[in-house]
């Protein structure tokens, strides 16, 4: 799988919109939780947080 880069813009309130293609591919909906990971090289990764099933 090749790397795909999507450019996004932060709002003045620090919000960012995840592109629709990415949301659909990963099943992200309003209220989905995400985690930011900073790698040793300084890259910023955004990962979905698994929801807990009861």
N, C-alpha and C. Protein backbone atom coordinates (compact mmCIF):
# COMPACT_ATOMS: atom_id res chain seq x y z
N UNK A 1 0.85 -1.18 0.00
CA UNK A 1 0.00 0.00 0.00
C UNK A 1 0.89 1.24 0.00
N UNK A 2 0.61 2.18 -0.87
CA UNK A 2 1.41 3.39 -0.93
C UNK A 2 0.84 4.44 0.03
N UNK A 3 1.68 5.36 0.40
CA UNK A 3 1.27 6.43 1.30
C UNK A 3 0.42 7.45 0.56
N UNK A 4 -0.68 7.83 1.16
CA UNK A 4 -1.56 8.86 0.58
C UNK A 4 -1.55 10.05 1.53
N UNK A 5 -1.35 11.22 1.02
CA UNK A 5 -1.31 12.43 1.84
C UNK A 5 -2.52 13.30 1.51
N UNK A 6 -3.25 13.69 2.54
CA UNK A 6 -4.38 14.60 2.40
C UNK A 6 -4.02 15.90 3.09
N UNK A 7 -4.22 17.01 2.44
CA UNK A 7 -3.95 18.31 3.05
C UNK A 7 -5.22 18.83 3.69
N UNK A 8 -5.10 19.28 4.93
CA UNK A 8 -6.24 19.82 5.66
C UNK A 8 -5.82 21.15 6.28
N UNK A 9 -6.79 21.90 6.72
CA UNK A 9 -6.53 23.21 7.31
C UNK A 9 -7.19 23.28 8.68
N UNK A 10 -6.48 23.81 9.66
CA UNK A 10 -7.03 24.00 11.00
C UNK A 10 -7.87 25.26 11.04
N UNK A 11 -8.99 25.18 11.74
CA UNK A 11 -9.80 26.38 11.94
C UNK A 11 -9.14 27.23 13.03
N UNK A 12 -9.64 28.41 13.25
CA UNK A 12 -9.10 29.27 14.29
C UNK A 12 -9.31 28.68 15.68
N UNK A 13 -10.24 27.73 15.80
CA UNK A 13 -10.51 27.06 17.08
C UNK A 13 -9.73 25.75 17.22
N UNK A 14 -8.84 25.46 16.27
CA UNK A 14 -8.02 24.25 16.34
C UNK A 14 -8.70 23.01 15.80
N UNK A 15 -9.79 23.17 15.12
CA UNK A 15 -10.51 22.03 14.55
C UNK A 15 -10.01 21.73 13.15
N UNK A 16 -10.09 20.46 12.80
CA UNK A 16 -9.69 20.03 11.46
C UNK A 16 -10.74 19.04 10.96
N UNK A 17 -11.03 19.09 9.68
CA UNK A 17 -11.99 18.17 9.09
C UNK A 17 -11.23 17.02 8.44
N UNK A 18 -11.59 15.80 8.84
CA UNK A 18 -11.00 14.61 8.23
C UNK A 18 -11.70 14.43 6.88
N UNK A 19 -10.94 14.28 5.80
CA UNK A 19 -11.57 14.15 4.48
C UNK A 19 -12.60 13.01 4.43
N UNK A 20 -13.68 13.22 3.69
CA UNK A 20 -14.78 12.26 3.61
C UNK A 20 -14.31 10.87 3.17
N UNK A 21 -13.40 10.79 2.22
CA UNK A 21 -12.91 9.48 1.78
C UNK A 21 -12.24 8.71 2.93
N UNK A 22 -11.51 9.41 3.77
CA UNK A 22 -10.84 8.77 4.91
C UNK A 22 -11.88 8.34 5.95
N UNK A 23 -12.84 9.23 6.25
CA UNK A 23 -13.89 8.88 7.22
C UNK A 23 -14.65 7.65 6.78
N UNK A 24 -14.99 7.59 5.49
CA UNK A 24 -15.75 6.45 4.98
C UNK A 24 -14.93 5.17 5.03
N UNK A 25 -13.68 5.24 4.59
CA UNK A 25 -12.81 4.05 4.55
C UNK A 25 -12.62 3.44 5.93
N UNK A 26 -12.51 4.29 6.96
CA UNK A 26 -12.22 3.80 8.31
C UNK A 26 -13.45 3.81 9.23
N UNK A 27 -14.62 4.12 8.66
CA UNK A 27 -15.85 4.06 9.45
C UNK A 27 -15.92 5.10 10.55
N UNK A 28 -15.33 6.27 10.32
CA UNK A 28 -15.32 7.33 11.33
C UNK A 28 -16.60 8.14 11.21
N UNK A 29 -17.22 8.39 12.35
CA UNK A 29 -18.46 9.17 12.40
C UNK A 29 -18.32 10.25 13.46
N UNK A 30 -19.26 11.16 13.52
CA UNK A 30 -19.25 12.17 14.57
C UNK A 30 -19.16 11.51 15.93
N UNK A 31 -18.28 11.97 16.76
CA UNK A 31 -18.10 11.39 18.09
C UNK A 31 -17.02 10.32 18.14
N UNK A 32 -16.49 9.90 16.97
CA UNK A 32 -15.40 8.92 16.96
C UNK A 32 -14.20 9.52 17.69
N UNK A 33 -13.49 8.68 18.42
CA UNK A 33 -12.30 9.15 19.15
C UNK A 33 -11.04 8.82 18.37
N UNK A 34 -10.10 9.76 18.41
CA UNK A 34 -8.83 9.60 17.71
C UNK A 34 -7.69 9.88 18.68
N UNK A 35 -6.52 9.33 18.38
CA UNK A 35 -5.33 9.57 19.19
C UNK A 35 -4.22 10.11 18.28
N UNK A 36 -3.50 11.11 18.77
CA UNK A 36 -2.32 11.61 18.06
C UNK A 36 -1.10 10.91 18.61
N UNK A 37 -0.23 10.46 17.72
CA UNK A 37 1.03 9.83 18.12
C UNK A 37 2.15 10.60 17.45
N UNK A 38 3.16 10.98 18.22
CA UNK A 38 4.33 11.65 17.66
C UNK A 38 5.47 10.64 17.63
N UNK A 39 5.99 10.38 16.44
CA UNK A 39 7.07 9.40 16.29
C UNK A 39 8.40 10.04 16.66
N UNK A 40 9.43 9.23 16.91
CA UNK A 40 10.75 9.79 17.23
C UNK A 40 11.29 10.72 16.14
N UNK A 41 10.87 10.50 14.89
CA UNK A 41 11.35 11.36 13.81
C UNK A 41 10.56 12.67 13.71
N UNK A 42 9.50 12.79 14.54
CA UNK A 42 8.71 14.01 14.55
C UNK A 42 7.43 13.94 13.71
N UNK A 43 7.17 12.79 13.09
CA UNK A 43 5.94 12.64 12.32
C UNK A 43 4.75 12.57 13.27
N UNK A 44 3.64 13.12 12.84
CA UNK A 44 2.42 13.11 13.64
C UNK A 44 1.44 12.13 13.00
N UNK A 45 1.06 11.10 13.75
CA UNK A 45 0.12 10.10 13.25
C UNK A 45 -1.21 10.25 13.96
N UNK A 46 -2.28 10.11 13.22
CA UNK A 46 -3.63 10.19 13.77
C UNK A 46 -4.23 8.80 13.65
N UNK A 47 -4.59 8.21 14.81
CA UNK A 47 -5.08 6.83 14.82
C UNK A 47 -6.44 6.76 15.48
N UNK A 48 -7.35 5.94 14.91
CA UNK A 48 -8.65 5.76 15.56
C UNK A 48 -8.47 4.99 16.87
N UNK A 49 -9.27 5.35 17.86
CA UNK A 49 -9.27 4.65 19.14
C UNK A 49 -10.43 3.67 19.11
N UNK A 50 -10.16 2.42 19.40
CA UNK A 50 -11.21 1.39 19.37
C UNK A 50 -12.25 1.71 20.42
N UNK A 51 -13.51 1.56 20.03
CA UNK A 51 -14.60 1.78 21.00
C UNK A 51 -14.79 0.50 21.79
N UNK A 52 -15.18 0.66 23.05
CA UNK A 52 -15.39 -0.49 23.91
C UNK A 52 -16.81 -0.98 23.74
N UNK A 53 -16.96 -2.27 23.51
CA UNK A 53 -18.27 -2.89 23.38
C UNK A 53 -18.70 -3.41 24.74
N UNK A 54 -19.93 -3.16 25.16
CA UNK A 54 -20.42 -3.65 26.45
C UNK A 54 -21.30 -4.84 26.24
